[in-house]
Amino acid sequence: MEIYPEGKRKHIRDYENLKMYLHSEPKNAIERKENKETMALAKKILAIREAEYYQGKFDLKTTTKGIRRFLEFFREKAEERFDSPKNYGNWTAALIHFERCISPNGAISCLPKA
């Protein structure tokens, strides 16, 4: 997921095209039966994909609960250093610089890895 400066989130999703199609208006019993069989097969494939996801096959992480804004985090860490004037000055100077460069809605997970 990416977070833009306006605060909007864009989800990054992958789709799998099964290349299975339904008759939009089935005209007879054969077409209705084909639609039922196609839907049943698609649901089975979905169940298999969900099982693979839950077993950790794709190494996906749930990130919805852990999203935290970087500037809020850094501001809290800077305030923890208030008792040390020299150290606090360095942290506040860095915070001012970050506020100029980083979006206020930027999440920690969106920062580049070192």
N, C-alpha and C. Protein backbone atom coordinates (compact mmCIF):
# COMPACT_ATOMS: atom_id res chain seq x y z
N MET A 1 0.84 -1.16 0.00
CA MET A 1 0.00 0.00 0.00
C MET A 1 0.90 1.23 0.00
N GLU A 2 0.52 2.21 -0.79
CA GLU A 2 1.25 3.47 -0.85
C GLU A 2 0.36 4.57 -0.29
N ILE A 3 0.98 5.56 0.36
CA ILE A 3 0.23 6.68 0.89
C ILE A 3 0.73 7.93 0.19
N TYR A 4 -0.19 8.69 -0.38
CA TYR A 4 0.15 9.90 -1.12
C TYR A 4 0.04 11.12 -0.21
N PRO A 5 0.66 12.26 -0.61
CA PRO A 5 0.65 13.46 0.23
C PRO A 5 -0.75 13.93 0.63
N GLU A 6 -1.76 13.68 -0.19
CA GLU A 6 -3.11 14.11 0.14
C GLU A 6 -3.72 13.23 1.23
N GLY A 7 -3.02 12.18 1.64
CA GLY A 7 -3.51 11.28 2.66
C GLY A 7 -4.28 10.10 2.11
N LYS A 8 -4.40 10.04 0.78
CA LYS A 8 -5.13 8.94 0.17
C LYS A 8 -4.23 7.72 0.08
N ARG A 9 -4.83 6.56 0.18
CA ARG A 9 -4.08 5.31 0.11
C ARG A 9 -4.39 4.61 -1.20
N LYS A 10 -3.38 4.04 -1.80
CA LYS A 10 -3.56 3.27 -3.02
C LYS A 10 -3.14 1.85 -2.71
N HIS A 11 -4.08 0.93 -2.87
CA HIS A 11 -3.79 -0.46 -2.60
C HIS A 11 -3.14 -1.10 -3.81
N ILE A 12 -2.11 -1.85 -3.57
CA ILE A 12 -1.43 -2.57 -4.63
C ILE A 12 -1.97 -4.00 -4.60
N ARG A 13 -2.67 -4.37 -5.66
CA ARG A 13 -3.30 -5.68 -5.70
C ARG A 13 -2.85 -6.45 -6.92
N ASP A 14 -2.85 -7.75 -6.78
CA ASP A 14 -2.58 -8.63 -7.91
C ASP A 14 -3.85 -9.40 -8.23
N TYR A 15 -4.10 -9.57 -9.51
CA TYR A 15 -5.26 -10.32 -9.95
C TYR A 15 -4.81 -11.49 -10.78
N GLU A 16 -5.57 -12.56 -10.70
CA GLU A 16 -5.31 -13.73 -11.50
C GLU A 16 -6.50 -13.93 -12.43
N ASN A 17 -6.26 -13.88 -13.72
CA ASN A 17 -7.32 -14.11 -14.69
C ASN A 17 -7.45 -15.60 -14.91
N LEU A 18 -8.59 -16.15 -14.58
CA LEU A 18 -8.82 -17.58 -14.73
C LEU A 18 -9.24 -17.95 -16.15
N LYS A 19 -9.58 -16.96 -16.93
CA LYS A 19 -10.04 -17.16 -18.32
C LYS A 19 -11.22 -18.13 -18.36
N MET A 20 -12.11 -17.93 -17.41
CA MET A 20 -13.35 -18.69 -17.37
C MET A 20 -14.47 -17.66 -17.47
N TYR A 21 -15.40 -17.89 -18.35
CA TYR A 21 -16.43 -16.89 -18.61
C TYR A 21 -17.82 -17.49 -18.42
N LEU A 22 -18.76 -16.64 -18.04
CA LEU A 22 -20.14 -17.04 -17.87
C LEU A 22 -20.96 -16.54 -19.05
N HIS A 23 -22.04 -17.24 -19.32
CA HIS A 23 -23.00 -16.77 -20.31
C HIS A 23 -23.79 -15.65 -19.64
N SER A 24 -23.80 -14.47 -20.24
CA SER A 24 -24.47 -13.33 -19.59
C SER A 24 -25.97 -13.55 -19.48
N GLU A 25 -26.58 -14.11 -20.49
CA GLU A 25 -28.01 -14.43 -20.45
C GLU A 25 -28.18 -15.85 -20.95
N PRO A 26 -28.08 -16.84 -20.05
CA PRO A 26 -28.21 -18.23 -20.51
C PRO A 26 -29.57 -18.47 -21.16
N LYS A 27 -29.51 -19.10 -22.33
CA LYS A 27 -30.72 -19.29 -23.11
C LYS A 27 -31.38 -20.65 -22.87
N ASN A 28 -30.62 -21.60 -22.36
CA ASN A 28 -31.19 -22.92 -22.15
C ASN A 28 -30.56 -23.57 -20.92
N ALA A 29 -30.97 -24.78 -20.63
CA ALA A 29 -30.51 -25.49 -19.43
C ALA A 29 -29.01 -25.81 -19.51
N ILE A 30 -28.51 -26.06 -20.69
CA ILE A 30 -27.09 -26.39 -20.84
C ILE A 30 -26.22 -25.20 -20.45
N GLU A 31 -26.58 -24.01 -20.91
CA GLU A 31 -25.81 -22.81 -20.57
C GLU A 31 -25.91 -22.50 -19.07
N ARG A 32 -27.09 -22.71 -18.48
CA ARG A 32 -27.24 -22.48 -17.03
C ARG A 32 -26.37 -23.47 -16.26
N LYS A 33 -26.32 -24.71 -16.73
CA LYS A 33 -25.49 -25.72 -16.08
C LYS A 33 -24.01 -25.35 -16.20
N GLU A 34 -23.59 -24.88 -17.38
CA GLU A 34 -22.20 -24.45 -17.57
C GLU A 34 -21.86 -23.29 -16.63
N ASN A 35 -22.77 -22.34 -16.47
CA ASN A 35 -22.55 -21.22 -15.55
C ASN A 35 -22.36 -21.73 -14.11
N LYS A 36 -23.21 -22.67 -13.68
CA LYS A 36 -23.09 -23.22 -12.33
C LYS A 36 -21.75 -23.92 -12.14
N GLU A 37 -21.35 -24.72 -13.12
CA GLU A 37 -20.08 -25.45 -13.02
C GLU A 37 -18.89 -24.49 -13.01
N THR A 38 -18.95 -23.46 -13.84
CA THR A 38 -17.87 -22.47 -13.89
C THR A 38 -17.76 -21.73 -12.56
N MET A 39 -18.90 -21.33 -11.99
CA MET A 39 -18.87 -20.63 -10.69
C MET A 39 -18.36 -21.55 -9.59
N ALA A 40 -18.75 -22.80 -9.62
CA ALA A 40 -18.28 -23.75 -8.61
C ALA A 40 -16.76 -23.93 -8.70
N LEU A 41 -16.26 -24.04 -9.92
CA LEU A 41 -14.82 -24.19 -10.11
C LEU A 41 -14.07 -22.94 -9.65
N ALA A 42 -14.60 -21.77 -9.97
CA ALA A 42 -13.96 -20.52 -9.55
C ALA A 42 -13.94 -20.42 -8.03
N LYS A 43 -15.00 -20.83 -7.36
CA LYS A 43 -15.03 -20.79 -5.89
C LYS A 43 -14.03 -21.77 -5.28
N LYS A 44 -13.84 -22.92 -5.93
CA LYS A 44 -12.85 -23.88 -5.45
C LYS A 44 -11.44 -23.33 -5.59
N ILE A 45 -11.18 -22.67 -6.72
CA ILE A 45 -9.86 -22.05 -6.92
C ILE A 45 -9.62 -20.96 -5.88
N LEU A 46 -10.66 -20.16 -5.60
CA LEU A 46 -10.56 -19.13 -4.57
C LEU A 46 -10.24 -19.74 -3.21
N ALA A 47 -10.89 -20.85 -2.87
CA ALA A 47 -10.64 -21.51 -1.59
C ALA A 47 -9.20 -22.01 -1.51
N ILE A 48 -8.67 -22.52 -2.62
CA ILE A 48 -7.28 -22.98 -2.65
C ILE A 48 -6.34 -21.81 -2.44
N ARG A 49 -6.59 -20.68 -3.12
CA ARG A 49 -5.73 -19.50 -2.98
C ARG A 49 -5.78 -18.97 -1.55
N GLU A 50 -6.96 -18.94 -0.95
CA GLU A 50 -7.07 -18.47 0.44
C GLU A 50 -6.32 -19.39 1.38
N ALA A 51 -6.40 -20.69 1.16
CA ALA A 51 -5.68 -21.64 2.01
C ALA A 51 -4.17 -21.42 1.88
N GLU A 52 -3.69 -21.19 0.66
CA GLU A 52 -2.27 -20.92 0.45
C GLU A 52 -1.85 -19.65 1.17
N TYR A 53 -2.71 -18.63 1.14
CA TYR A 53 -2.41 -17.37 1.82
C TYR A 53 -2.29 -17.60 3.33
N TYR A 54 -3.27 -18.30 3.90
CA TYR A 54 -3.27 -18.52 5.34
C TYR A 54 -2.13 -19.42 5.79
N GLN A 55 -1.63 -20.26 4.90
CA GLN A 55 -0.50 -21.11 5.24
C GLN A 55 0.82 -20.38 5.09
N GLY A 56 0.78 -19.13 4.62
CA GLY A 56 1.99 -18.33 4.51
C GLY A 56 2.80 -18.60 3.26
N LYS A 57 2.20 -19.17 2.26
CA LYS A 57 2.93 -19.50 1.05
C LYS A 57 3.48 -18.26 0.35
N PHE A 58 2.72 -17.17 0.41
CA PHE A 58 3.13 -15.97 -0.31
C PHE A 58 3.92 -14.99 0.53
N ASP A 59 4.19 -15.30 1.79
CA ASP A 59 4.96 -14.45 2.69
C ASP A 59 4.36 -13.04 2.75
N LEU A 60 3.04 -12.97 2.93
CA LEU A 60 2.36 -11.69 3.04
C LEU A 60 2.24 -11.30 4.50
N LYS A 61 2.28 -10.02 4.76
CA LYS A 61 2.16 -9.53 6.13
C LYS A 61 0.94 -8.65 6.23
N THR A 62 0.24 -8.75 7.33
CA THR A 62 -0.89 -7.87 7.57
C THR A 62 -0.34 -6.56 8.10
N THR A 63 -0.58 -5.49 7.37
CA THR A 63 0.01 -4.21 7.76
C THR A 63 -1.02 -3.17 8.16
N THR A 64 -2.29 -3.51 8.13
CA THR A 64 -3.30 -2.51 8.40
C THR A 64 -3.25 -2.00 9.83
N LYS A 65 -2.92 -2.86 10.80
CA LYS A 65 -2.88 -2.42 12.19
C LYS A 65 -1.58 -1.70 12.52
N GLY A 66 -0.51 -1.97 11.80
CA GLY A 66 0.79 -1.45 12.14
C GLY A 66 1.19 -0.18 11.44
N ILE A 67 0.28 0.45 10.71
CA ILE A 67 0.63 1.67 9.99
C ILE A 67 0.77 2.81 11.00
N ARG A 68 1.92 3.44 10.99
CA ARG A 68 2.18 4.55 11.90
C ARG A 68 2.87 5.65 11.12
N ARG A 69 2.49 6.87 11.35
CA ARG A 69 3.09 7.99 10.63
C ARG A 69 4.47 8.28 11.19
N PHE A 70 5.42 8.47 10.28
CA PHE A 70 6.81 8.65 10.66
C PHE A 70 7.01 9.91 11.49
N LEU A 71 6.42 11.03 11.06
CA LEU A 71 6.66 12.29 11.77
C LEU A 71 6.12 12.25 13.20
N GLU A 72 4.98 11.61 13.40
CA GLU A 72 4.46 11.47 14.76
C GLU A 72 5.42 10.65 15.62
N PHE A 73 5.91 9.55 15.06
CA PHE A 73 6.86 8.69 15.77
C PHE A 73 8.13 9.46 16.12
N PHE A 74 8.69 10.20 15.15
CA PHE A 74 9.93 10.92 15.38
C PHE A 74 9.73 12.05 16.38
N ARG A 75 8.56 12.70 16.33
CA ARG A 75 8.27 13.78 17.28
C ARG A 75 8.22 13.23 18.71
N GLU A 76 7.62 12.05 18.88
CA GLU A 76 7.58 11.43 20.20
C GLU A 76 8.99 11.10 20.70
N LYS A 77 9.82 10.57 19.82
CA LYS A 77 11.20 10.23 20.20
C LYS A 77 11.99 11.49 20.55
N ALA A 78 11.76 12.58 19.83
CA ALA A 78 12.45 13.84 20.13
C ALA A 78 12.03 14.37 21.50
N GLU A 79 10.75 14.28 21.82
CA GLU A 79 10.26 14.78 23.11
C GLU A 79 10.81 13.95 24.27
N GLU A 80 11.14 12.70 24.04
CA GLU A 80 11.75 11.87 25.07
C GLU A 80 13.13 12.39 25.46
N ARG A 81 13.77 13.14 24.58
CA ARG A 81 15.12 13.66 24.83
C ARG A 81 15.11 15.09 25.37
N PHE A 82 13.96 15.58 25.85
CA PHE A 82 13.83 16.96 26.32
C PHE A 82 14.78 17.27 27.48
N ASP A 83 15.07 16.29 28.33
CA ASP A 83 15.92 16.52 29.49
C ASP A 83 17.38 16.75 29.14
N SER A 84 17.79 16.36 27.95
CA SER A 84 19.17 16.54 27.51
C SER A 84 19.20 17.64 26.45
N PRO A 85 19.56 18.89 26.84
CA PRO A 85 19.42 20.04 25.93
C PRO A 85 20.19 19.88 24.60
N LYS A 86 21.41 19.39 24.65
CA LYS A 86 22.20 19.27 23.41
C LYS A 86 21.60 18.20 22.49
N ASN A 87 21.27 17.07 23.08
CA ASN A 87 20.68 15.99 22.31
C ASN A 87 19.31 16.39 21.77
N TYR A 88 18.53 17.08 22.60
CA TYR A 88 17.20 17.53 22.20
C TYR A 88 17.29 18.50 21.02
N GLY A 89 18.29 19.36 21.03
CA GLY A 89 18.48 20.29 19.92
C GLY A 89 18.75 19.57 18.60
N ASN A 90 19.56 18.52 18.66
CA ASN A 90 19.83 17.74 17.45
C ASN A 90 18.55 17.08 16.93
N TRP A 91 17.77 16.52 17.84
CA TRP A 91 16.55 15.83 17.43
C TRP A 91 15.52 16.82 16.86
N THR A 92 15.39 17.99 17.47
CA THR A 92 14.42 18.97 16.95
C THR A 92 14.87 19.51 15.60
N ALA A 93 16.18 19.70 15.41
CA ALA A 93 16.68 20.15 14.11
C ALA A 93 16.39 19.11 13.04
N ALA A 94 16.60 17.85 13.38
CA ALA A 94 16.30 16.76 12.43
C ALA A 94 14.80 16.72 12.13
N LEU A 95 13.98 16.92 13.16
CA LEU A 95 12.53 16.91 12.98
C LEU A 95 12.10 18.03 12.02
N ILE A 96 12.66 19.21 12.19
CA ILE A 96 12.33 20.32 11.29
C ILE A 96 12.70 19.97 9.85
N HIS A 97 13.85 19.37 9.67
CA HIS A 97 14.28 18.96 8.34
C HIS A 97 13.33 17.91 7.75
N PHE A 98 12.96 16.93 8.55
CA PHE A 98 12.05 15.89 8.08
C PHE A 98 10.69 16.47 7.73
N GLU A 99 10.21 17.44 8.52
CA GLU A 99 8.91 18.04 8.23
C GLU A 99 8.91 18.76 6.89
N ARG A 100 10.06 19.26 6.48
CA ARG A 100 10.16 19.91 5.16
C ARG A 100 10.20 18.90 4.02
N CYS A 101 10.73 17.71 4.29
CA CYS A 101 10.99 16.74 3.22
C CYS A 101 9.97 15.62 3.12
N ILE A 102 9.31 15.28 4.20
CA ILE A 102 8.45 14.10 4.23
C ILE A 102 7.00 14.53 4.40
N SER A 103 6.12 13.84 3.70
CA SER A 103 4.69 14.11 3.79
C SER A 103 4.20 13.85 5.22
N PRO A 104 3.30 14.68 5.74
CA PRO A 104 2.79 14.45 7.09
C PRO A 104 2.05 13.13 7.23
N ASN A 105 1.55 12.59 6.12
CA ASN A 105 0.82 11.32 6.15
C ASN A 105 1.71 10.13 5.82
N GLY A 106 2.99 10.36 5.64
CA GLY A 106 3.90 9.28 5.27
C GLY A 106 4.06 8.27 6.39
N ALA A 107 3.85 7.02 6.06
CA ALA A 107 3.97 5.95 7.04
C ALA A 107 5.41 5.47 7.13
N ILE A 108 5.74 4.88 8.25
CA ILE A 108 7.10 4.35 8.44
C ILE A 108 7.38 3.28 7.40
N SER A 109 6.37 2.48 7.07
CA SER A 109 6.57 1.40 6.09
C SER A 109 6.84 1.93 4.69
N CYS A 110 6.52 3.20 4.42
CA CYS A 110 6.73 3.77 3.08
C CYS A 110 8.14 4.32 2.90
N LEU A 111 8.90 4.42 3.97
CA LEU A 111 10.26 4.94 3.86
C LEU A 111 11.16 3.92 3.18
N PRO A 112 12.16 4.39 2.43
CA PRO A 112 13.04 3.44 1.75
C PRO A 112 13.90 2.68 2.76
N LYS A 113 14.16 1.44 2.44
CA LYS A 113 15.01 0.61 3.29
C LYS A 113 16.47 0.93 3.05
N ALA A 114 17.26 0.89 4.12
CA ALA A 114 18.69 1.21 3.99
C ALA A 114 19.46 0.05 3.44
